[in-house]
Protein backbone atom coordinates (compact mmCIF):
# COMPACT_ATOMS: atom_id res chain seq x y z
CA MET A 1 -27.85 -16.00 126.87
CA GLN A 2 -25.46 -16.26 124.03
CA GLY A 3 -26.28 -15.25 120.45
CA SER A 4 -29.05 -12.77 121.67
CA VAL A 5 -30.84 -10.81 118.88
CA PHE A 6 -30.57 -7.55 120.90
CA GLN A 7 -26.73 -7.41 120.99
CA SER A 8 -24.69 -5.77 118.39
CA PRO A 9 -21.98 -7.88 116.65
CA PRO A 10 -18.35 -6.93 117.79
CA SER A 11 -17.49 -5.18 114.61
CA SER A 12 -20.07 -2.65 114.63
CA ARG A 13 -19.58 -2.00 118.23
CA ALA A 14 -15.88 -1.14 117.33
CA PHE A 15 -17.01 1.03 114.39
CA HIS A 16 -19.10 3.15 116.53
CA ARG A 17 -16.42 3.62 119.07
CA ARG A 18 -13.86 4.65 116.64
CA SER A 19 -16.25 7.01 114.86
CA PHE A 20 -16.32 9.61 117.64
CA THR A 21 -12.41 9.91 117.68
CA PRO A 22 -10.91 12.38 114.99
CA THR A 23 -8.60 10.80 112.72
CA HIS A 24 -5.11 12.09 112.14
CA LYS A 25 -6.19 14.06 109.09
CA GLU A 26 -9.18 15.49 110.85
CA LYS A 27 -7.06 16.68 113.66
CA MET A 28 -4.37 18.17 111.07
CA ALA A 29 -7.32 19.96 109.35
CA ASN A 30 -8.64 21.46 112.45
CA GLU A 31 -5.37 22.70 113.67
CA GLN A 32 -4.68 24.20 110.22
CA HIS A 33 -8.12 25.82 110.33
CA SER A 34 -7.52 27.58 113.59
CA LEU A 35 -4.06 28.77 112.51
CA SER A 36 -5.21 30.73 109.67
CA PRO A 37 -8.81 32.11 110.42
CA ARG A 38 -10.85 33.51 107.58
CA PRO A 39 -10.61 37.40 107.41
CA TRP A 40 -13.84 39.01 108.41
CA LEU A 41 -13.92 40.85 105.07
CA LEU A 42 -14.36 37.53 103.22
CA ASP A 43 -17.12 36.62 105.61
CA ALA A 44 -18.80 40.05 104.93
CA VAL A 45 -18.63 40.07 100.99
CA PRO A 46 -21.93 37.97 100.36
CA PHE A 47 -23.83 40.35 102.80
CA MET A 48 -22.52 43.53 101.18
CA VAL A 49 -23.58 42.07 97.53
CA VAL A 50 -27.15 41.33 99.01
CA LEU A 51 -27.21 44.80 100.46
CA LEU A 52 -25.90 46.27 97.28
CA ILE A 53 -28.47 44.57 95.21
CA ALA A 54 -31.51 45.49 97.42
CA ALA A 55 -30.37 49.28 97.21
CA HIS A 56 -30.27 49.34 93.45
CA VAL A 57 -33.66 47.42 93.40
CA LEU A 58 -35.10 50.19 95.55
CA ALA A 59 -33.59 52.76 93.64
CA LEU A 60 -35.31 51.40 90.68
CA VAL A 61 -38.70 51.12 92.28
CA TYR A 62 -38.23 54.91 93.44
CA TRP A 63 -37.27 55.98 89.92
CA ILE A 64 -40.29 54.31 88.29
CA TYR A 65 -42.59 55.62 91.12
CA ARG A 66 -41.35 59.16 90.44
CA LEU A 67 -41.75 58.86 86.66
CA ALA A 68 -45.42 57.70 86.94
CA THR A 69 -46.40 60.34 89.50
CA GLU A 70 -44.63 63.15 87.43
CA LYS A 71 -47.09 66.00 86.56
CA GLN A 72 -46.82 66.51 82.56
CA PRO A 73 -47.12 69.99 81.38
CA GLN A 74 -50.42 70.92 79.79
CA ARG A 75 -50.06 71.39 76.01
CA ARG A 76 -52.25 74.02 74.44
CA LYS A 77 -53.73 73.15 71.03
CA ALA A 78 -52.62 75.69 68.49
CA HIS A 79 -54.79 76.13 65.56
């Protein structure tokens, strides 16, 4: 059955076949990435920043709590 509606045109089949194979630039990028891995310290920086922010927020909340629950000294009225 020639010209069937269910068959893909040859150009689209060739495109799909080629899309799964990496290009020369992609191969070079993968090789370069594998040769120079990112230092673990750079990967940990965002986590450390979030951790520092959270610690400061907790310290601020604790400081406000301590100020709010602090007992005020009793003042005497002097006439």
